[in-house]
Amino acid sequence: MGSIQTIYKLEKWVKESEGKSKINEDDIIYKMIIGYYDDSIISGNICEFISKENYERLMKKEYTYKVFPYSVQKILIFDKQGNVVSLVKNKPDDEYSPSQKEYIRRLKM
């Protein structure tokens, strides 16, 4: 039996910790609990790192997001023009799954 993964709605995300970015000294990074996984052996929280600014823009609805619970990167965020925004500023997001790549391709059509 496989793992069951659930990603919470944005309003339910919980900031687990925060710290200064090692990539961009002006950036604060949050470690957010964004969901939960459960399988027959172990269960726990699903976490992602996200820049404080990007999280705030999501909360203000300036950015949108799409959930991919079974991908390495569980969420993708988008600006108003539909461009993918890195979760952490100045860190390239290049671990897209085939379904994420297809979603991005269709979004650009």
PDB file of N, CA and C in Angstrom:
ATOM      1  N   MET A   1       0.841  -1.174   0.000  1.00  0.00           N
ATOM      2  CA  MET A   1       0.000   0.000   0.000  1.00  0.00           C
ATOM      3  C   MET A   1       0.883   1.234   0.000  1.00  0.00           C
ATOM      4  N   GLY A   2       0.498   2.264  -0.728  1.00  0.00           N
ATOM      5  CA  GLY A   2       1.306   3.469  -0.852  1.00  0.00           C
ATOM      6  C   GLY A   2       1.002   4.494   0.217  1.00  0.00           C
ATOM      7  N   SER A   3       1.767   5.541   0.164  1.00  0.00           N
ATOM      8  CA  SER A   3       1.618   6.649   1.095  1.00  0.00           C
ATOM      9  C   SER A   3       0.447   7.536   0.682  1.00  0.00           C
ATOM     10  N   ILE A   4      -0.268   8.031   1.663  1.00  0.00           N
ATOM     11  CA  ILE A   4      -1.328   9.002   1.433  1.00  0.00           C
ATOM     12  C   ILE A   4      -0.766  10.358   1.831  1.00  0.00           C
ATOM     13  N   GLN A   5      -0.800  11.313   0.905  1.00  0.00           N
ATOM     14  CA  GLN A   5      -0.258  12.640   1.174  1.00  0.00           C
ATOM     15  C   GLN A   5      -1.351  13.683   0.998  1.00  0.00           C
ATOM     16  N   THR A   6      -1.461  14.543   1.982  1.00  0.00           N
ATOM     17  CA  THR A   6      -2.470  15.592   1.974  1.00  0.00           C
ATOM     18  C   THR A   6      -1.781  16.940   2.124  1.00  0.00           C
ATOM     19  N   ILE A   7      -2.099  17.869   1.240  1.00  0.00           N
ATOM     20  CA  ILE A   7      -1.587  19.232   1.351  1.00  0.00           C
ATOM     21  C   ILE A   7      -2.729  20.104   1.856  1.00  0.00           C
ATOM     22  N   TYR A   8      -2.461  20.840   2.929  1.00  0.00           N
ATOM     23  CA  TYR A   8      -3.474  21.708   3.517  1.00  0.00           C
ATOM     24  C   TYR A   8      -3.726  22.939   2.651  1.00  0.00           C
ATOM     25  N   LYS A   9      -4.884  23.558   2.854  1.00  0.00           N
ATOM     26  CA  LYS A   9      -5.157  24.854   2.240  1.00  0.00           C
ATOM     27  C   LYS A   9      -4.190  25.864   2.854  1.00  0.00           C
ATOM     28  N   LEU A  10      -3.867  26.893   2.100  1.00  0.00           N
ATOM     29  CA  LEU A  10      -2.886  27.899   2.494  1.00  0.00           C
ATOM     30  C   LEU A  10      -3.127  28.426   3.911  1.00  0.00           C
ATOM     31  N   GLU A  11      -4.355  28.656   4.262  1.00  0.00           N
ATOM     32  CA  GLU A  11      -4.694  29.228   5.566  1.00  0.00           C
ATOM     33  C   GLU A  11      -4.336  28.301   6.721  1.00  0.00           C
ATOM     34  N   LYS A  12      -4.130  27.025   6.427  1.00  0.00           N
ATOM     35  CA  LYS A  12      -3.807  26.037   7.466  1.00  0.00           C
ATOM     36  C   LYS A  12      -2.317  25.758   7.582  1.00  0.00           C
ATOM     37  N   TRP A  13      -1.495  26.357   6.702  1.00  0.00           N
ATOM     38  CA  TRP A  13      -0.053  26.153   6.787  1.00  0.00           C
ATOM     39  C   TRP A  13       0.447  26.734   8.100  1.00  0.00           C
ATOM     40  N   VAL A  14       1.463  26.095   8.667  1.00  0.00           N
ATOM     41  CA  VAL A  14       2.007  26.524   9.955  1.00  0.00           C
ATOM     42  C   VAL A  14       3.501  26.787   9.804  1.00  0.00           C
ATOM     43  N   LYS A  15       3.923  27.954  10.286  1.00  0.00           N
ATOM     44  CA  LYS A  15       5.347  28.285  10.259  1.00  0.00           C
ATOM     45  C   LYS A  15       6.031  27.509  11.382  1.00  0.00           C
ATOM     46  N   GLU A  16       6.928  26.601  10.993  1.00  0.00           N
ATOM     47  CA  GLU A  16       7.651  25.802  11.981  1.00  0.00           C
ATOM     48  C   GLU A  16       8.888  26.545  12.483  1.00  0.00           C
ATOM     49  N   SER A  17       9.573  27.238  11.569  1.00  0.00           N
ATOM     50  CA  SER A  17      10.765  28.007  11.946  1.00  0.00           C
ATOM     51  C   SER A  17      11.040  29.052  10.884  1.00  0.00           C
ATOM     52  N   GLU A  18      11.950  29.960  11.192  1.00  0.00           N
ATOM     53  CA  GLU A  18      12.372  30.960  10.211  1.00  0.00           C
ATOM     54  C   GLU A  18      13.838  31.292  10.440  1.00  0.00           C
ATOM     55  N   GLY A  19      14.472  31.759   9.368  1.00  0.00           N
ATOM     56  CA  GLY A  19      15.874  32.122   9.462  1.00  0.00           C
ATOM     57  C   GLY A  19      16.296  32.927   8.249  1.00  0.00           C
ATOM     58  N   LYS A  20      17.503  33.460   8.308  1.00  0.00           N
ATOM     59  CA  LYS A  20      18.044  34.225   7.184  1.00  0.00           C
ATOM     60  C   LYS A  20      18.475  33.284   6.075  1.00  0.00           C
ATOM     61  N   SER A  21      18.251  33.728   4.857  1.00  0.00           N
ATOM     62  CA  SER A  21      18.633  32.946   3.685  1.00  0.00           C
ATOM     63  C   SER A  21      20.150  32.945   3.530  1.00  0.00           C
ATOM     64  N   LYS A  22      20.682  31.805   3.116  1.00  0.00           N
ATOM     65  CA  LYS A  22      22.103  31.705   2.790  1.00  0.00           C
ATOM     66  C   LYS A  22      22.355  32.111   1.337  1.00  0.00           C
ATOM     67  N   ILE A  23      21.288  32.207   0.549  1.00  0.00           N
ATOM     68  CA  ILE A  23      21.383  32.569  -0.863  1.00  0.00           C
ATOM     69  C   ILE A  23      21.266  34.076  -1.053  1.00  0.00           C
ATOM     70  N   ASN A  24      20.356  34.697  -0.317  1.00  0.00           N
ATOM     71  CA  ASN A  24      20.066  36.124  -0.453  1.00  0.00           C
ATOM     72  C   ASN A  24      19.992  36.709   0.953  1.00  0.00           C
ATOM     73  N   GLU A  25      20.966  37.512   1.327  1.00  0.00           N
ATOM     74  CA  GLU A  25      21.062  38.001   2.705  1.00  0.00           C
ATOM     75  C   GLU A  25      19.888  38.870   3.134  1.00  0.00           C
ATOM     76  N   ASP A  26      19.120  39.416   2.186  1.00  0.00           N
ATOM     77  CA  ASP A  26      17.965  40.247   2.522  1.00  0.00           C
ATOM     78  C   ASP A  26      16.671  39.435   2.648  1.00  0.00           C
ATOM     79  N   ASP A  27      16.765  38.135   2.554  1.00  0.00           N
ATOM     80  CA  ASP A  27      15.578  37.285   2.527  1.00  0.00           C
ATOM     81  C   ASP A  27      15.449  36.505   3.838  1.00  0.00           C
ATOM     82  N   ILE A  28      14.222  36.400   4.296  1.00  0.00           N
ATOM     83  CA  ILE A  28      13.885  35.542   5.435  1.00  0.00           C
ATOM     84  C   ILE A  28      13.180  34.319   4.868  1.00  0.00           C
ATOM     85  N   ILE A  29      13.591  33.151   5.345  1.00  0.00           N
ATOM     86  CA  ILE A  29      13.019  31.883   4.872  1.00  0.00           C
ATOM     87  C   ILE A  29      12.184  31.261   5.990  1.00  0.00           C
ATOM     88  N   TYR A  30      10.984  30.822   5.627  1.00  0.00           N
ATOM     89  CA  TYR A  30      10.137  30.085   6.549  1.00  0.00           C
ATOM     90  C   TYR A  30      10.205  28.599   6.209  1.00  0.00           C
ATOM     91  N   LYS A  31      10.247  27.775   7.222  1.00  0.00           N
ATOM     92  CA  LYS A  31       9.995  26.350   7.043  1.00  0.00           C
ATOM     93  C   LYS A  31       8.542  26.154   7.443  1.00  0.00           C
ATOM     94  N   MET A  32       7.726  25.814   6.446  1.00  0.00           N
ATOM     95  CA  MET A  32       6.286  25.716   6.655  1.00  0.00           C
ATOM     96  C   MET A  32       5.831  24.260   6.650  1.00  0.00           C
ATOM     97  N   ILE A  33       4.984  23.932   7.591  1.00  0.00           N
ATOM     98  CA  ILE A  33       4.277  22.648   7.548  1.00  0.00           C
ATOM     99  C   ILE A  33       3.074  22.885   6.654  1.00  0.00           C
ATOM    100  N   ILE A  34       3.084  22.205   5.500  1.00  0.00           N
ATOM    101  CA  ILE A  34       2.020  22.448   4.515  1.00  0.00           C
ATOM    102  C   ILE A  34       1.091  21.251   4.342  1.00  0.00           C
ATOM    103  N   GLY A  35       1.398  20.160   5.019  1.00  0.00           N
ATOM    104  CA  GLY A  35       0.565  18.976   4.849  1.00  0.00           C
ATOM    105  C   GLY A  35       0.997  17.842   5.738  1.00  0.00           C
ATOM    106  N   TYR A  36       0.494  16.667   5.384  1.00  0.00           N
ATOM    107  CA  TYR A  36       0.672  15.484   6.207  1.00  0.00           C
ATOM    108  C   TYR A  36       0.752  14.258   5.309  1.00  0.00           C
ATOM    109  N   TYR A  37       1.605  13.299   5.687  1.00  0.00           N
ATOM    110  CA  TYR A  37       1.652  12.033   4.960  1.00  0.00           C
ATOM    111  C   TYR A  37       1.440  10.883   5.936  1.00  0.00           C
ATOM    112  N   ASP A  38       0.899   9.815   5.410  1.00  0.00           N
ATOM    113  CA  ASP A  38       0.630   8.637   6.229  1.00  0.00           C
ATOM    114  C   ASP A  38       0.772   7.404   5.355  1.00  0.00           C
ATOM    115  N   ASP A  39       1.593   6.478   5.796  1.00  0.00           N
ATOM    116  CA  ASP A  39       1.636   5.175   5.143  1.00  0.00           C
ATOM    117  C   ASP A  39       1.632   4.107   6.215  1.00  0.00           C
ATOM    118  N   SER A  40       1.780   2.878   5.839  1.00  0.00           N
ATOM    119  CA  SER A  40       1.609   1.784   6.785  1.00  0.00           C
ATOM    120  C   SER A  40       2.697   1.723   7.858  1.00  0.00           C
ATOM    121  N   ILE A  41       3.830   2.362   7.627  1.00  0.00           N
ATOM    122  CA  ILE A  41       4.945   2.272   8.575  1.00  0.00           C
ATOM    123  C   ILE A  41       5.153   3.565   9.358  1.00  0.00           C
ATOM    124  N   ILE A  42       5.035   4.689   8.687  1.00  0.00           N
ATOM    125  CA  ILE A  42       5.377   5.970   9.315  1.00  0.00           C
ATOM    126  C   ILE A  42       4.441   7.067   8.817  1.00  0.00           C
ATOM    127  N   SER A  43       4.293   8.103   9.632  1.00  0.00           N
ATOM    128  CA  SER A  43       3.509   9.268   9.225  1.00  0.00           C
ATOM    129  C   SER A  43       4.199  10.514   9.759  1.00  0.00           C
ATOM    130  N   GLY A  44       3.846  11.652   9.195  1.00  0.00           N
ATOM    131  CA  GLY A  44       4.459  12.893   9.656  1.00  0.00           C
ATOM    132  C   GLY A  44       4.038  14.082   8.823  1.00  0.00           C
ATOM    133  N   ASN A  45       4.696  15.187   9.085  1.00  0.00           N
ATOM    134  CA  ASN A  45       4.388  16.439   8.401  1.00  0.00           C
ATOM    135  C   ASN A  45       5.117  16.553   7.071  1.00  0.00           C
ATOM    136  N   ILE A  46       4.484  17.228   6.126  1.00  0.00           N
ATOM    137  CA  ILE A  46       5.116  17.608   4.868  1.00  0.00           C
ATOM    138  C   ILE A  46       5.508  19.069   5.014  1.00  0.00           C
ATOM    139  N   CYS A  47       6.786  19.368   4.770  1.00  0.00           N
ATOM    140  CA  CYS A  47       7.300  20.724   4.926  1.00  0.00           C
ATOM    141  C   CYS A  47       7.887  21.234   3.618  1.00  0.00           C
ATOM    142  N   GLU A  48       7.844  22.541   3.446  1.00  0.00           N
ATOM    143  CA  GLU A  48       8.509  23.227   2.329  1.00  0.00           C
ATOM    144  C   GLU A  48       9.147  24.491   2.888  1.00  0.00           C
ATOM    145  N   PHE A  49      10.258  24.894   2.277  1.00  0.00           N
ATOM    146  CA  PHE A  49      10.876  26.174   2.588  1.00  0.00           C
ATOM    147  C   PHE A  49      10.345  27.201   1.603  1.00  0.00           C
ATOM    148  N   ILE A  50      10.013  28.395   2.118  1.00  0.00           N
ATOM    149  CA  ILE A  50       9.475  29.456   1.269  1.00  0.00           C
ATOM    150  C   ILE A  50       9.937  30.807   1.811  1.00  0.00           C
ATOM    151  N   SER A  51      10.258  31.712   0.894  1.00  0.00           N
ATOM    152  CA  SER A  51      10.629  33.072   1.301  1.00  0.00           C
ATOM    153  C   SER A  51       9.443  33.756   1.957  1.00  0.00           C
ATOM    154  N   LYS A  52       9.734  34.516   2.991  1.00  0.00           N
ATOM    155  CA  LYS A  52       8.695  35.271   3.703  1.00  0.00           C
ATOM    156  C   LYS A  52       7.892  36.123   2.726  1.00  0.00           C
ATOM    157  N   GLU A  53       8.584  36.819   1.814  1.00  0.00           N
ATOM    158  CA  GLU A  53       7.904  37.681   0.841  1.00  0.00           C
ATOM    159  C   GLU A  53       6.944  36.882  -0.039  1.00  0.00           C
ATOM    160  N   ASN A  54       7.358  35.712  -0.493  1.00  0.00           N
ATOM    161  CA  ASN A  54       6.488  34.890  -1.340  1.00  0.00           C
ATOM    162  C   ASN A  54       5.283  34.387  -0.560  1.00  0.00           C
ATOM    163  N   TYR A  55       5.493  33.997   0.688  1.00  0.00           N
ATOM    164  CA  TYR A  55       4.378  33.556   1.525  1.00  0.00           C
ATOM    165  C   TYR A  55       3.382  34.707   1.728  1.00  0.00           C
ATOM    166  N   GLU A  56       3.900  35.898   2.011  1.00  0.00           N
ATOM    167  CA  GLU A  56       3.017  37.050   2.209  1.00  0.00           C
ATOM    168  C   GLU A  56       2.236  37.381   0.939  1.00  0.00           C
ATOM    169  N   ARG A  57       2.883  37.251  -0.217  1.00  0.00           N
ATOM    170  CA  ARG A  57       2.183  37.502  -1.487  1.00  0.00           C
ATOM    171  C   ARG A  57       1.096  36.455  -1.737  1.00  0.00           C
ATOM    172  N   LEU A  58       1.352  35.222  -1.341  1.00  0.00           N
ATOM    173  CA  LEU A  58       0.305  34.199  -1.431  1.00  0.00           C
ATOM    174  C   LEU A  58      -0.879  34.568  -0.543  1.00  0.00           C
ATOM    175  N   MET A  59      -0.585  34.984   0.675  1.00  0.00           N
ATOM    176  CA  MET A  59      -1.653  35.331   1.614  1.00  0.00           C
ATOM    177  C   MET A  59      -2.479  36.534   1.122  1.00  0.00           C
ATOM    178  N   LYS A  60      -1.832  37.463   0.419  1.00  0.00           N
ATOM    179  CA  LYS A  60      -2.525  38.646  -0.120  1.00  0.00           C
ATOM    180  C   LYS A  60      -3.192  38.353  -1.461  1.00  0.00           C
ATOM    181  N   LYS A  61      -3.049  37.131  -1.945  1.00  0.00           N
ATOM    182  CA  LYS A  61      -3.611  36.698  -3.229  1.00  0.00           C
ATOM    183  C   LYS A  61      -2.941  37.373  -4.424  1.00  0.00           C
ATOM    184  N   GLU A  62      -1.721  37.891  -4.233  1.00  0.00           N
ATOM    185  CA  GLU A  62      -0.934  38.426  -5.343  1.00  0.00           C
ATOM    186  C   GLU A  62      -0.335  37.278  -6.148  1.00  0.00           C
ATOM    187  N   TYR A  63      -0.096  36.164  -5.499  1.00  0.00           N
ATOM    188  CA  TYR A  63       0.387  34.936  -6.129  1.00  0.00           C
ATOM    189  C   TYR A  63      -0.661  33.854  -5.929  1.00  0.00           C
ATOM    190  N   THR A  64      -0.643  32.884  -6.820  1.00  0.00           N
ATOM    191  CA  THR A  64      -1.489  31.703  -6.681  1.00  0.00           C
ATOM    192  C   THR A  64      -0.583  30.483  -6.551  1.00  0.00           C
ATOM    193  N   TYR A  65      -1.171  29.359  -6.216  1.00  0.00           N
ATOM    194  CA  TYR A  65      -0.382  28.138  -6.102  1.00  0.00           C
ATOM    195  C   TYR A  65      -1.174  26.942  -6.592  1.00  0.00           C
ATOM    196  N   LYS A  66      -0.438  25.915  -6.946  1.00  0.00           N
ATOM    197  CA  LYS A  66      -1.015  24.651  -7.404  1.00  0.00           C
ATOM    198  C   LYS A  66      -0.344  23.536  -6.605  1.00  0.00           C
ATOM    199  N   VAL A  67      -1.135  22.596  -6.160  1.00  0.00           N
ATOM    200  CA  VAL A  67      -0.661  21.504  -5.312  1.00  0.00           C
ATOM    201  C   VAL A  67      -0.321  20.277  -6.152  1.00  0.00           C
ATOM    202  N   PHE A  68       0.819  19.665  -5.844  1.00  0.00           N
ATOM    203  CA  PHE A  68       1.260  18.408  -6.450  1.00  0.00           C
ATOM    204  C   PHE A  68       1.759  17.500  -5.319  1.00  0.00           C
ATOM    205  N   PRO A  69       0.837  16.858  -4.570  1.00  0.00           N
ATOM    206  CA  PRO A  69       1.237  16.149  -3.346  1.00  0.00           C
ATOM    207  C   PRO A  69       2.230  15.009  -3.542  1.00  0.00           C
ATOM    208  N   TYR A  70       2.281  14.405  -4.707  1.00  0.00           N
ATOM    209  CA  TYR A  70       3.170  13.248  -4.887  1.00  0.00           C
ATOM    210  C   TYR A  70       4.442  13.586  -5.655  1.00  0.00           C
ATOM    211  N   SER A  71       4.724  14.870  -5.835  1.00  0.00           N
ATOM    212  CA  SER A  71       5.961  15.312  -6.476  1.00  0.00           C
ATOM    213  C   SER A  71       6.992  15.655  -5.410  1.00  0.00           C
ATOM    214  N   VAL A  72       8.251  15.789  -5.819  1.00  0.00           N
ATOM    215  CA  VAL A  72       9.299  16.184  -4.874  1.00  0.00           C
ATOM    216  C   VAL A  72       8.972  17.563  -4.309  1.00  0.00           C
ATOM    217  N   GLN A  73       8.697  18.518  -5.196  1.00  0.00           N
ATOM    218  CA  GLN A  73       8.263  19.852  -4.773  1.00  0.00           C
ATOM    219  C   GLN A  73       6.742  19.818  -4.746  1.00  0.00           C
ATOM    220  N   LYS A  74       6.168  19.960  -3.578  1.00  0.00           N
ATOM    221  CA  LYS A  74       4.733  19.736  -3.381  1.00  0.00           C
ATOM    222  C   LYS A  74       3.836  20.851  -3.897  1.00  0.00           C
ATOM    223  N   ILE A  75       4.377  22.065  -4.002  1.00  0.00           N
ATOM    224  CA  ILE A  75       3.581  23.183  -4.512  1.00  0.00           C
ATOM    225  C   ILE A  75       4.408  23.995  -5.497  1.00  0.00           C
ATOM    226  N   LEU A  76       3.717  24.589  -6.451  1.00  0.00           N
ATOM    227  CA  LEU A  76       4.311  25.575  -7.343  1.00  0.00           C
ATOM    228  C   LEU A  76       3.546  26.869  -7.129  1.00  0.00           C
ATOM    229  N   ILE A  77       4.261  27.996  -7.134  1.00  0.00           N
ATOM    230  CA  ILE A  77       3.587  29.282  -7.015  1.00  0.00           C
ATOM    231  C   ILE A  77       3.781  30.069  -8.302  1.00  0.00           C
ATOM    232  N   PHE A  78       2.776  30.910  -8.596  1.00  0.00           N
ATOM    233  CA  PHE A  78       2.721  31.643  -9.851  1.00  0.00           C
ATOM    234  C   PHE A  78       2.398  33.110  -9.590  1.00  0.00           C
ATOM    235  N   ASP A  79       3.025  33.992 -10.388  1.00  0.00           N
ATOM    236  CA  ASP A  79       2.682  35.408 -10.316  1.00  0.00           C
ATOM    237  C   ASP A  79       1.426  35.650 -11.156  1.00  0.00           C
ATOM    238  N   LYS A  80       1.004  36.901 -11.231  1.00  0.00           N
ATOM    239  CA  LYS A  80      -0.233  37.234 -11.956  1.00  0.00           C
ATOM    240  C   LYS A  80      -0.152  36.963 -13.448  1.00  0.00           C
ATOM    241  N   GLN A  81       1.075  36.924 -14.009  1.00  0.00           N
ATOM    242  CA  GLN A  81       1.259  36.635 -15.429  1.00  0.00           C
ATOM    243  C   GLN A  81       1.344  35.137 -15.701  1.00  0.00           C
ATOM    244  N   GLY A  82       1.268  34.318 -14.668  1.00  0.00           N
ATOM    245  CA  GLY A  82       1.331  32.873 -14.838  1.00  0.00           C
ATOM    246  C   GLY A  82       2.743  32.313 -14.854  1.00  0.00           C
ATOM    247  N   ASN A  83       3.722  33.128 -14.489  1.00  0.00           N
ATOM    248  CA  ASN A  83       5.107  32.652 -14.425  1.00  0.00           C
ATOM    249  C   ASN A  83       5.366  31.938 -13.107  1.00  0.00           C
ATOM    250  N   VAL A  84       6.131  30.857 -13.175  1.00  0.00           N
ATOM    251  CA  VAL A  84       6.506  30.141 -11.955  1.00  0.00           C
ATOM    252  C   VAL A  84       7.453  31.018 -11.152  1.00  0.00           C
ATOM    253  N   VAL A  85       7.199  31.100  -9.852  1.00  0.00           N
ATOM    254  CA  VAL A  85       8.037  31.854  -8.929  1.00  0.00           C
ATOM    255  C   VAL A  85       8.711  30.839  -8.007  1.00  0.00           C
ATOM    256  N   SER A  86      10.023  30.933  -7.875  1.00  0.00           N
ATOM    257  CA  SER A  86      10.737  30.024  -6.972  1.00  0.00           C
ATOM    258  C   SER A  86      10.217  30.188  -5.551  1.00  0.00           C
ATOM    259  N   LEU A  87      10.037  29.094  -4.851  1.00  0.00           N
ATOM    260  CA  LEU A  87       9.577  29.170  -3.471  1.00  0.00           C
ATOM    261  C   LEU A  87      10.519  30.032  -2.635  1.00  0.00           C
ATOM    262  N   VAL A  88      11.823  29.821  -2.833  1.00  0.00           N
ATOM    263  CA  VAL A  88      12.847  30.604  -2.149  1.00  0.00           C
ATOM    264  C   VAL A  88      13.491  31.519  -3.187  1.00  0.00           C
ATOM    265  N   LYS A  89      13.482  32.815  -2.911  1.00  0.00           N
ATOM    266  CA  LYS A  89      14.026  33.794  -3.856  1.00  0.00           C
ATOM    267  C   LYS A  89      15.471  33.447  -4.216  1.00  0.00           C
ATOM    268  N   ASN A  90      15.768  33.547  -5.504  1.00  0.00           N
ATOM    269  CA  ASN A  90      17.104  33.304  -6.073  1.00  0.00           C
ATOM    270  C   ASN A  90      17.560  31.852  -5.991  1.00  0.00           C
ATOM    271  N   LYS A  91      16.657  30.929  -5.700  1.00  0.00           N
ATOM    272  CA  LYS A  91      16.980  29.495  -5.723  1.00  0.00           C
ATOM    273  C   LYS A  91      16.192  28.884  -6.872  1.00  0.00           C
ATOM    274  N   PRO A  92      16.886  28.396  -7.884  1.00  0.00           N
ATOM    275  CA  PRO A  92      16.145  27.833  -9.025  1.00  0.00           C
ATOM    276  C   PRO A  92      15.357  26.585  -8.636  1.00  0.00           C
ATOM    277  N   ASP A  93      14.122  26.555  -9.078  1.00  0.00           N
ATOM    278  CA  ASP A  93      13.291  25.365  -8.903  1.00  0.00           C
ATOM    279  C   ASP A  93      13.418  24.553 -10.179  1.00  0.00           C
ATOM    280  N   ASP A  94      14.120  23.445 -10.121  1.00  0.00           N
ATOM    281  CA  ASP A  94      14.333  22.642 -11.324  1.00  0.00           C
ATOM    282  C   ASP A  94      14.017  21.169 -11.105  1.00  0.00           C
ATOM    283  N   GLU A  95      13.300  20.882 -10.050  1.00  0.00           N
ATOM    284  CA  GLU A  95      12.942  19.495  -9.759  1.00  0.00           C
ATOM    285  C   GLU A  95      11.485  19.224 -10.110  1.00  0.00           C
ATOM    286  N   TYR A  96      11.051  19.714 -11.263  1.00  0.00           N
ATOM    287  CA  TYR A  96       9.657  19.547 -11.642  1.00  0.00           C
ATOM    288  C   TYR A  96       9.380  18.126 -12.101  1.00  0.00           C
ATOM    289  N   SER A  97       8.265  17.599 -11.663  1.00  0.00           N
ATOM    290  CA  SER A  97       7.821  16.283 -12.114  1.00  0.00           C
ATOM    291  C   SER A  97       7.210  16.432 -13.508  1.00  0.00           C
ATOM    292  N   PRO A  98       7.019  15.322 -14.212  1.00  0.00           N
ATOM    293  CA  PRO A  98       6.361  15.406 -15.529  1.00  0.00           C
ATOM    294  C   PRO A  98       4.992  16.082 -15.466  1.00  0.00           C
ATOM    295  N   SER A  99       4.216  15.801 -14.420  1.00  0.00           N
ATOM    296  CA  SER A  99       2.892  16.431 -14.327  1.00  0.00           C
ATOM    297  C   SER A  99       3.013  17.937 -14.078  1.00  0.00           C
ATOM    298  N   GLN A 100       4.020  18.366 -13.338  1.00  0.00           N
ATOM    299  CA  GLN A 100       4.231  19.797 -13.135  1.00  0.00           C
ATOM    300  C   GLN A 100       4.661  20.472 -14.430  1.00  0.00           C
ATOM    301  N   LYS A 101       5.565  19.840 -15.163  1.00  0.00           N
ATOM    302  CA  LYS A 101       6.003  20.397 -16.441  1.00  0.00           C
ATOM    303  C   LYS A 101       4.830  20.532 -17.398  1.00  0.00           C
ATOM    304  N   GLU A 102       3.964  19.537 -17.426  1.00  0.00           N
ATOM    305  CA  GLU A 102       2.786  19.586 -18.294  1.00  0.00           C
ATOM    306  C   GLU A 102       1.830  20.696 -17.855  1.00  0.00           C
ATOM    307  N   TYR A 103       1.639  20.854 -16.562  1.00  0.00           N
ATOM    308  CA  TYR A 103       0.772  21.916 -16.046  1.00  0.00           C
ATOM    309  C   TYR A 103       1.303  23.283 -16.464  1.00  0.00           C
ATOM    310  N   ILE A 104       2.612  23.495 -16.311  1.00  0.00           N
ATOM    311  CA  ILE A 104       3.236  24.768 -16.688  1.00  0.00           C
ATOM    312  C   ILE A 104       3.094  25.002 -18.189  1.00  0.00           C
ATOM    313  N   ARG A 105       3.331  23.952 -18.981  1.00  0.00           N
ATOM    314  CA  ARG A 105       3.209  24.078 -20.433  1.00  0.00           C
ATOM    315  C   ARG A 105       1.795  24.494 -20.824  1.00  0.00           C
ATOM    316  N   ARG A 106       0.798  23.862 -20.247  1.00  0.00           N
ATOM    317  CA  ARG A 106      -0.599  24.186 -20.578  1.00  0.00           C
ATOM    318  C   ARG A 106      -0.975  25.580 -20.113  1.00  0.00           C
ATOM    319  N   LEU A 107      -0.402  26.012 -18.986  1.00  0.00           N
ATOM    320  CA  LEU A 107      -0.680  27.337 -18.468  1.00  0.00           C
ATOM    321  C   LEU A 107      -0.178  28.420 -19.424  1.00  0.00           C
ATOM    322  N   LYS A 108       0.917  28.127 -20.113  1.00  0.00           N
ATOM    323  CA  LYS A 108       1.517  29.086 -21.031  1.00  0.00           C
ATOM    324  C   LYS A 108       0.829  29.114 -22.397  1.00  0.00           C
ATOM    325  N   MET A 109      -0.074  28.181 -22.664  1.00  0.00           N
ATOM    326  CA  MET A 109      -0.735  28.119 -23.973  1.00  0.00           C
ATOM    327  C   MET A 109      -1.782  29.214 -24.105  1.00  0.00           C
TER     328      MET A 109
END
